[in-house]
Amino acid sequence: MKKLFFVIVFCLLLTSVFAVNTDWGYIKLIHRATYQVLEGGENTFSLTQARFLMGGDVVEDLIFVAFQAELDTAAVNILDAKAIYKLKPFSITFGRFLAPFDYYTPQSFTKFDTIEYPILEKFSPLRQEGIMLSYKNDYFSSHLMVSNGNGPNTYEDTDTEKAYLLRMDYKPFKGASIGASCWYEKFFTGLYYTDFNRANFMFNYRTKAFFFNNQATYIEDEDVLTDANIYSYAYFSHLTIYFGKKFELLTRYEFTNENISAPGDLQTRLTLGFNYNIKGPKAQIAFNYQLNGESEENEVDNDKATLLFMLIL
């Protein structure tokens, strides 16, 4: 507990002294706290995230390093630790980082639009240890990544046990982006190998007045008990309307089916909310109300309202 206390104090002091930006990079402390009320009547306060971030150029315009840690009540968990070698228009990323599988996965949670991830993020590989080659110009970007994936990696069979990601995005005109990605891995469970394959299709369009975002995900998994494939899909459509720079109204409809062959696995969600940016992205108040779909087989009180306070120092 003392260790955690000193780490927090040290991070706060650093953030105050360097005032977010330094001559070589940046230092940030992000705080997110929520008050949540469930449909059944339960309500609770919680510290959602407290994160420390720092990064900057080790070699100017050539080698960039970044570090991110979650300050938990019992421990300090390292989330990201990566180096980026900038060889424009290419870059090479090495270490532990978010795999750019879809629109929201590589984003900071300060740019989620809503308070929570879309429900289809349960299929995202999230953070991985590996290496990634990226290319970017004014109209096109791509990422090719090799990572550990799930399960152990051994010297005897590393080719089979790695995971592979390919993503490509195209910007046909200002504000619009069309993208696709695929993830392939085959990992050893200790008794047998199993496949886990995913594909994404994305489209978004942003103007000064609104942001429109769509994503569809297709998943093919292997049931190791029956040796049969499980097919899943997920989709969301999101709209944010901007009123100046401070106020935003938003709505998102989404659904996912974790097994198209099994009844009752369809999950839907409608989110309504607003964001109030007190001072740019540095201080925000957000409110979301979630209407979660209920099937006839599973009627539960699972709608919820969430109020978020976020500060970026």
Protein backbone atom coordinates (compact mmCIF):
# COMPACT_ATOMS: atom_id res chain seq x y z
CA MET A 1 0.00 0.00 0.00
CA LYS A 2 2.86 2.38 0.80
CA LYS A 3 4.44 1.60 -2.57
CA LEU A 4 1.23 2.49 -4.39
CA PHE A 5 0.88 5.72 -2.38
CA PHE A 6 4.39 6.88 -3.24
CA VAL A 7 3.89 6.00 -6.92
CA ILE A 8 0.72 8.10 -7.08
CA VAL A 9 2.35 11.04 -5.30
CA PHE A 10 5.40 10.78 -7.57
CA CYS A 11 3.20 10.75 -10.70
CA LEU A 12 1.23 13.76 -9.48
CA LEU A 13 4.42 15.68 -8.78
CA LEU A 14 5.83 14.86 -12.19
CA THR A 15 2.61 15.88 -13.89
CA SER A 16 2.56 19.21 -12.04
CA VAL A 17 6.21 19.99 -12.67
CA PHE A 18 6.23 19.19 -16.38
CA ALA A 19 2.69 20.50 -17.04
CA VAL A 20 1.84 17.60 -19.39
CA ASN A 21 4.39 18.46 -22.11
CA THR A 22 8.16 18.47 -21.79
CA ASP A 23 10.99 19.29 -24.16
CA TRP A 24 11.29 15.59 -25.01
CA GLY A 25 7.71 14.34 -24.77
CA TYR A 26 4.74 14.20 -22.44
CA ILE A 27 3.62 13.04 -19.00
CA LYS A 28 -0.07 12.53 -18.18
CA LEU A 29 -2.27 11.31 -15.37
CA ILE A 30 -5.82 10.28 -16.37
CA HIS A 31 -8.58 9.93 -13.77
CA ARG A 32 -12.05 8.48 -14.53
CA ALA A 33 -14.69 8.07 -11.82
CA THR A 34 -18.31 6.97 -12.27
CA TYR A 35 -21.62 6.84 -10.45
CA GLN A 36 -23.80 4.01 -11.78
CA VAL A 37 -27.46 3.15 -11.17
CA LEU A 38 -28.82 -0.24 -12.31
CA GLU A 39 -32.41 -0.94 -13.32
CA GLY A 40 -32.90 -3.11 -10.26
CA GLY A 41 -32.09 -0.18 -7.96
CA GLU A 42 -28.47 -0.90 -7.05
CA ASN A 43 -26.14 2.09 -7.26
CA THR A 44 -22.43 2.54 -6.68
CA PHE A 45 -19.50 4.94 -6.97
CA SER A 46 -16.31 3.59 -8.51
CA LEU A 47 -12.87 4.66 -9.64
CA THR A 48 -12.96 3.34 -13.21
CA GLN A 49 -9.41 4.20 -14.25
CA ALA A 50 -6.36 5.96 -12.85
CA ARG A 51 -3.53 5.79 -15.38
CA PHE A 52 -0.07 7.22 -15.73
CA LEU A 53 1.32 7.81 -19.21
CA MET A 54 4.64 9.09 -20.44
CA GLY A 55 6.47 9.10 -23.75
CA GLY A 56 8.76 10.99 -26.04
CA ASP A 57 11.57 10.87 -28.56
CA VAL A 58 14.72 9.04 -27.50
CA VAL A 59 16.24 10.01 -30.84
CA GLU A 60 14.49 13.05 -32.31
CA ASP A 61 12.20 12.19 -35.23
CA LEU A 62 13.52 8.62 -35.28
CA ILE A 63 12.84 6.59 -32.11
CA PHE A 64 9.79 7.24 -29.91
CA VAL A 65 9.04 5.37 -26.66
CA ALA A 66 5.78 5.23 -24.68
CA PHE A 67 4.75 3.75 -21.33
CA GLN A 68 1.31 3.39 -19.72
CA ALA A 69 0.43 1.93 -16.31
CA GLU A 70 -2.83 1.33 -14.44
CA LEU A 71 -2.69 2.50 -10.83
CA ASP A 72 -4.75 -0.11 -9.02
CA THR A 73 -5.58 -0.21 -5.31
CA ALA A 74 -3.33 -3.23 -4.80
CA ALA A 75 -0.71 -2.98 -7.55
CA VAL A 76 0.70 -1.02 -10.47
CA ASN A 77 -0.06 -2.87 -13.72
CA ILE A 78 1.96 -2.17 -16.85
CA LEU A 79 -0.36 -1.81 -19.83
CA ASP A 80 1.86 -0.47 -22.62
CA ALA A 81 5.62 -0.42 -23.05
CA LYS A 82 6.60 0.15 -26.66
CA ALA A 83 9.17 1.70 -28.97
CA ILE A 84 8.31 3.13 -32.38
CA TYR A 85 10.98 3.46 -35.05
CA LYS A 86 9.84 6.21 -37.47
CA LEU A 87 11.06 5.59 -41.00
CA LYS A 88 8.51 7.73 -42.88
CA PRO A 89 6.24 6.74 -44.50
CA PHE A 90 6.89 3.48 -42.59
CA SER A 91 7.13 2.82 -38.86
CA ILE A 92 8.02 -0.24 -36.77
CA THR A 93 6.44 -0.75 -33.34
CA PHE A 94 7.95 -3.22 -30.89
CA GLY A 95 6.92 -4.21 -27.35
CA ARG A 96 3.51 -4.41 -25.66
CA PHE A 97 0.72 -2.33 -27.17
CA LEU A 98 -2.89 -2.35 -28.37
CA ALA A 99 -3.34 -4.31 -31.58
CA PRO A 100 -5.13 -1.98 -34.09
CA PHE A 101 -7.83 -4.56 -34.78
CA ASP A 102 -10.77 -2.15 -35.12
CA TYR A 103 -11.73 1.50 -34.68
CA TYR A 104 -11.83 1.77 -30.87
CA THR A 105 -9.15 -0.74 -29.84
CA PRO A 106 -6.12 1.46 -30.60
CA GLN A 107 -7.89 4.55 -29.22
CA SER A 108 -7.32 5.98 -25.78
CA PHE A 109 -10.41 5.51 -23.59
CA THR A 110 -10.56 9.33 -23.48
CA LYS A 111 -11.80 9.06 -27.12
CA PHE A 112 -14.42 6.33 -26.75
CA ASP A 113 -17.35 8.70 -27.57
CA THR A 114 -19.45 6.66 -25.12
CA ILE A 115 -18.29 5.70 -21.61
CA GLU A 116 -17.82 2.01 -22.42
CA TYR A 117 -16.39 0.02 -25.30
CA PRO A 118 -18.90 -1.38 -27.82
CA ILE A 119 -19.94 -4.92 -26.82
CA LEU A 120 -18.18 -6.35 -29.90
CA GLU A 121 -14.85 -5.41 -28.27
CA LYS A 122 -15.07 -8.73 -26.40
CA PHE A 123 -13.70 -10.23 -29.64
CA SER A 124 -10.75 -7.83 -29.83
CA PRO A 125 -7.23 -9.15 -29.09
CA LEU A 126 -6.54 -5.90 -27.18
CA ARG A 127 -2.96 -5.65 -25.85
CA GLN A 128 -0.33 -7.95 -27.31
CA GLU A 129 3.43 -8.45 -27.14
CA GLY A 130 4.90 -8.38 -30.61
CA ILE A 131 6.14 -6.33 -33.54
CA MET A 132 4.20 -4.32 -36.14
CA LEU A 133 5.09 -2.76 -39.47
CA SER A 134 2.93 0.23 -40.45
CA TYR A 135 2.61 2.42 -43.53
CA LYS A 136 0.73 5.72 -43.85
CA ASN A 137 0.17 8.45 -46.40
CA ASP A 138 -2.62 10.99 -46.98
CA TYR A 139 -5.06 8.41 -48.39
CA PHE A 140 -3.97 4.95 -47.26
CA SER A 141 -2.64 3.25 -44.12
CA SER A 142 -1.85 -0.36 -43.27
CA HIS A 143 -0.60 -2.45 -40.34
CA LEU A 144 0.99 -5.90 -40.36
CA MET A 145 1.54 -7.38 -36.89
CA VAL A 146 3.00 -10.60 -35.47
CA SER A 147 2.36 -11.24 -31.77
CA ASN A 148 2.26 -13.99 -29.16
CA GLY A 149 -1.53 -14.27 -29.25
CA ASN A 150 -3.15 -16.62 -26.74
CA GLY A 151 -1.55 -19.60 -25.08
CA PRO A 152 2.16 -20.37 -24.59
CA ASN A 153 4.78 -20.02 -27.30
CA THR A 154 7.55 -22.62 -27.51
CA TYR A 155 10.83 -22.79 -29.41
CA GLU A 156 9.70 -26.05 -31.02
CA ASP A 157 6.66 -24.64 -32.81
CA THR A 158 6.69 -20.83 -32.81
CA ASP A 159 5.40 -20.50 -36.38
CA THR A 160 2.13 -22.21 -35.50
CA GLU A 161 1.62 -20.52 -32.16
CA LYS A 162 1.98 -16.87 -33.19
CA ALA A 163 -0.95 -14.58 -34.05
CA TYR A 164 -1.14 -12.42 -37.18
CA LEU A 165 -2.98 -9.16 -37.82
CA LEU A 166 -3.49 -7.30 -41.10
CA ARG A 167 -5.37 -4.00 -41.31
CA MET A 168 -5.89 -1.57 -44.19
CA ASP A 169 -7.70 1.79 -44.24
CA TYR A 170 -8.53 4.08 -47.15
CA LYS A 171 -9.62 7.75 -46.99
CA PRO A 172 -11.54 8.51 -50.21
CA PHE A 173 -12.24 12.13 -49.21
CA LYS A 174 -11.84 14.46 -46.24
CA GLY A 175 -13.40 13.10 -43.05
CA ALA A 176 -14.26 9.65 -44.44
CA SER A 177 -12.49 6.35 -43.79
CA ILE A 178 -13.15 2.79 -45.00
CA GLY A 179 -11.23 -0.04 -43.40
CA ALA A 180 -10.92 -3.80 -42.97
CA SER A 181 -8.84 -6.01 -40.71
CA CYS A 182 -8.32 -9.71 -40.05
CA TRP A 183 -6.81 -11.65 -37.16
CA TYR A 184 -5.58 -15.22 -37.37
CA GLU A 185 -4.13 -17.38 -34.64
CA LYS A 186 -3.78 -21.03 -33.77
CA PHE A 187 -2.70 -21.72 -30.20
CA PHE A 188 -1.98 -24.74 -28.04
CA THR A 189 -4.27 -25.30 -25.05
CA GLY A 190 -2.04 -27.92 -23.43
CA LEU A 191 -3.84 -30.86 -25.05
CA TYR A 192 -4.63 -29.72 -28.61
CA TYR A 193 -4.45 -26.79 -31.01
CA THR A 194 -7.43 -24.50 -31.57
CA ASP A 195 -8.18 -21.79 -34.15
CA PHE A 196 -9.49 -18.28 -33.49
CA ASN A 197 -10.11 -16.13 -36.58
CA ARG A 198 -11.74 -12.69 -36.78
CA ALA A 199 -12.49 -10.10 -39.47
CA ASN A 200 -13.65 -6.48 -39.29
CA PHE A 201 -15.25 -4.04 -41.71
CA MET A 202 -15.37 -0.36 -40.75
CA PHE A 203 -16.72 2.93 -42.11
CA ASN A 204 -16.77 6.33 -40.43
CA TYR A 205 -17.32 9.93 -41.46
CA ARG A 206 -16.52 13.00 -39.36
CA THR A 207 -17.44 16.65 -39.93
CA LYS A 208 -17.61 19.69 -37.65
CA ALA A 209 -21.31 18.94 -37.12
CA PHE A 210 -21.37 15.17 -36.55
CA PHE A 211 -19.47 11.86 -36.38
CA PHE A 212 -20.98 8.72 -37.95
CA ASN A 213 -19.29 5.37 -37.25
CA ASN A 214 -20.15 1.79 -38.27
CA GLN A 215 -18.41 -1.53 -37.71
CA ALA A 216 -19.23 -5.18 -38.43
CA THR A 217 -17.25 -8.11 -37.01
CA TYR A 218 -17.23 -11.77 -38.06
CA ILE A 219 -15.71 -14.46 -35.80
CA GLU A 220 -14.86 -18.09 -36.44
CA ASP A 221 -13.86 -20.05 -33.35
CA GLU A 222 -13.27 -23.75 -32.78
CA ASP A 223 -15.14 -25.70 -30.12
CA VAL A 224 -12.38 -27.93 -28.76
CA LEU A 225 -14.87 -30.30 -27.12
CA THR A 226 -16.89 -31.11 -30.26
CA ASP A 227 -14.24 -30.22 -32.87
CA ALA A 228 -16.88 -28.03 -34.59
CA ASN A 229 -16.64 -24.38 -35.66
CA ILE A 230 -18.57 -21.68 -33.82
CA TYR A 231 -19.63 -18.70 -35.95
CA SER A 232 -20.38 -15.32 -34.38
CA TYR A 233 -21.04 -11.80 -35.60
CA ALA A 234 -21.41 -8.32 -34.15
CA TYR A 235 -22.32 -4.83 -35.38
CA PHE A 236 -22.70 -1.28 -34.13
CA SER A 237 -23.81 2.04 -35.61
CA HIS A 238 -22.86 5.24 -33.79
CA LEU A 239 -23.81 8.91 -34.22
CA THR A 240 -22.47 11.92 -32.33
CA ILE A 241 -23.84 15.42 -32.98
CA TYR A 242 -21.61 18.34 -31.97
CA PHE A 243 -22.95 21.59 -30.56
CA GLY A 244 -19.85 23.76 -30.70
CA LYS A 245 -16.75 22.40 -28.97
CA LYS A 246 -18.26 21.73 -25.55
CA PHE A 247 -21.51 19.80 -25.90
CA GLU A 248 -22.15 16.48 -27.70
CA LEU A 249 -25.29 14.35 -28.05
CA LEU A 250 -24.77 10.70 -28.97
CA THR A 251 -26.53 7.44 -29.66
CA ARG A 252 -25.26 3.96 -30.48
CA TYR A 253 -27.15 0.80 -31.45
CA GLU A 254 -25.28 -2.50 -31.36
CA PHE A 255 -25.85 -6.22 -31.33
CA THR A 256 -23.79 -9.39 -31.13
CA ASN A 257 -24.52 -13.08 -31.50
CA GLU A 258 -21.83 -15.25 -29.92
CA ASN A 259 -23.10 -18.46 -31.52
CA ILE A 260 -25.48 -18.32 -34.48
CA SER A 261 -26.39 -21.98 -33.95
CA ALA A 262 -27.50 -21.53 -30.33
CA PRO A 263 -30.78 -19.76 -29.45
CA GLY A 264 -30.69 -17.00 -26.86
CA ASP A 265 -27.13 -15.80 -27.58
CA LEU A 266 -28.25 -12.58 -29.30
CA GLN A 267 -27.40 -9.48 -27.25
CA THR A 268 -28.56 -5.96 -28.15
CA ARG A 269 -27.85 -2.56 -26.65
CA LEU A 270 -29.03 0.99 -27.28
CA THR A 271 -26.99 3.78 -25.68
CA LEU A 272 -28.19 7.38 -25.33
CA GLY A 273 -26.02 10.04 -23.82
CA PHE A 274 -24.20 13.34 -23.84
CA ASN A 275 -20.67 14.62 -23.26
CA TYR A 276 -19.85 18.03 -21.80
CA ASN A 277 -16.25 19.10 -22.38
CA ILE A 278 -15.49 21.56 -19.61
CA LYS A 279 -12.03 22.37 -20.96
CA GLY A 280 -11.30 20.68 -24.28
CA PRO A 281 -10.48 17.00 -23.70
CA LYS A 282 -8.84 17.70 -20.31
CA ALA A 283 -12.03 17.77 -18.21
CA GLN A 284 -15.26 16.07 -19.20
CA ILE A 285 -18.62 15.13 -17.70
CA ALA A 286 -20.50 12.38 -19.56
CA PHE A 287 -23.82 10.63 -19.08
CA ASN A 288 -24.92 7.36 -20.72
CA TYR A 289 -28.17 5.42 -20.42
CA GLN A 290 -28.00 1.85 -21.70
CA LEU A 291 -31.06 -0.11 -22.81
CA ASN A 292 -29.89 -3.73 -22.88
CA GLY A 293 -32.00 -6.20 -24.84
CA GLU A 294 -33.74 -9.01 -22.97
CA SER A 295 -34.77 -12.32 -24.50
CA GLU A 296 -37.82 -14.33 -23.48
CA GLU A 297 -35.52 -16.94 -21.94
CA ASN A 298 -33.57 -14.37 -19.92
CA GLU A 299 -35.70 -11.52 -18.62
CA VAL A 300 -33.51 -9.51 -16.25
CA ASP A 301 -33.36 -5.91 -15.08
CA ASN A 302 -30.07 -4.96 -16.75
CA ASP A 303 -30.53 -1.39 -18.04
CA LYS A 304 -28.21 1.12 -16.40
CA ALA A 305 -27.40 4.82 -16.14
CA THR A 306 -23.80 5.98 -15.74
CA LEU A 307 -22.39 9.40 -14.90
CA LEU A 308 -18.68 9.88 -15.62
CA PHE A 309 -16.20 12.49 -14.42
CA MET A 310 -12.88 12.49 -16.33
CA LEU A 311 -9.79 14.59 -15.73
CA ILE A 312 -6.54 14.59 -17.72
CA LEU A 313 -3.64 16.29 -15.94
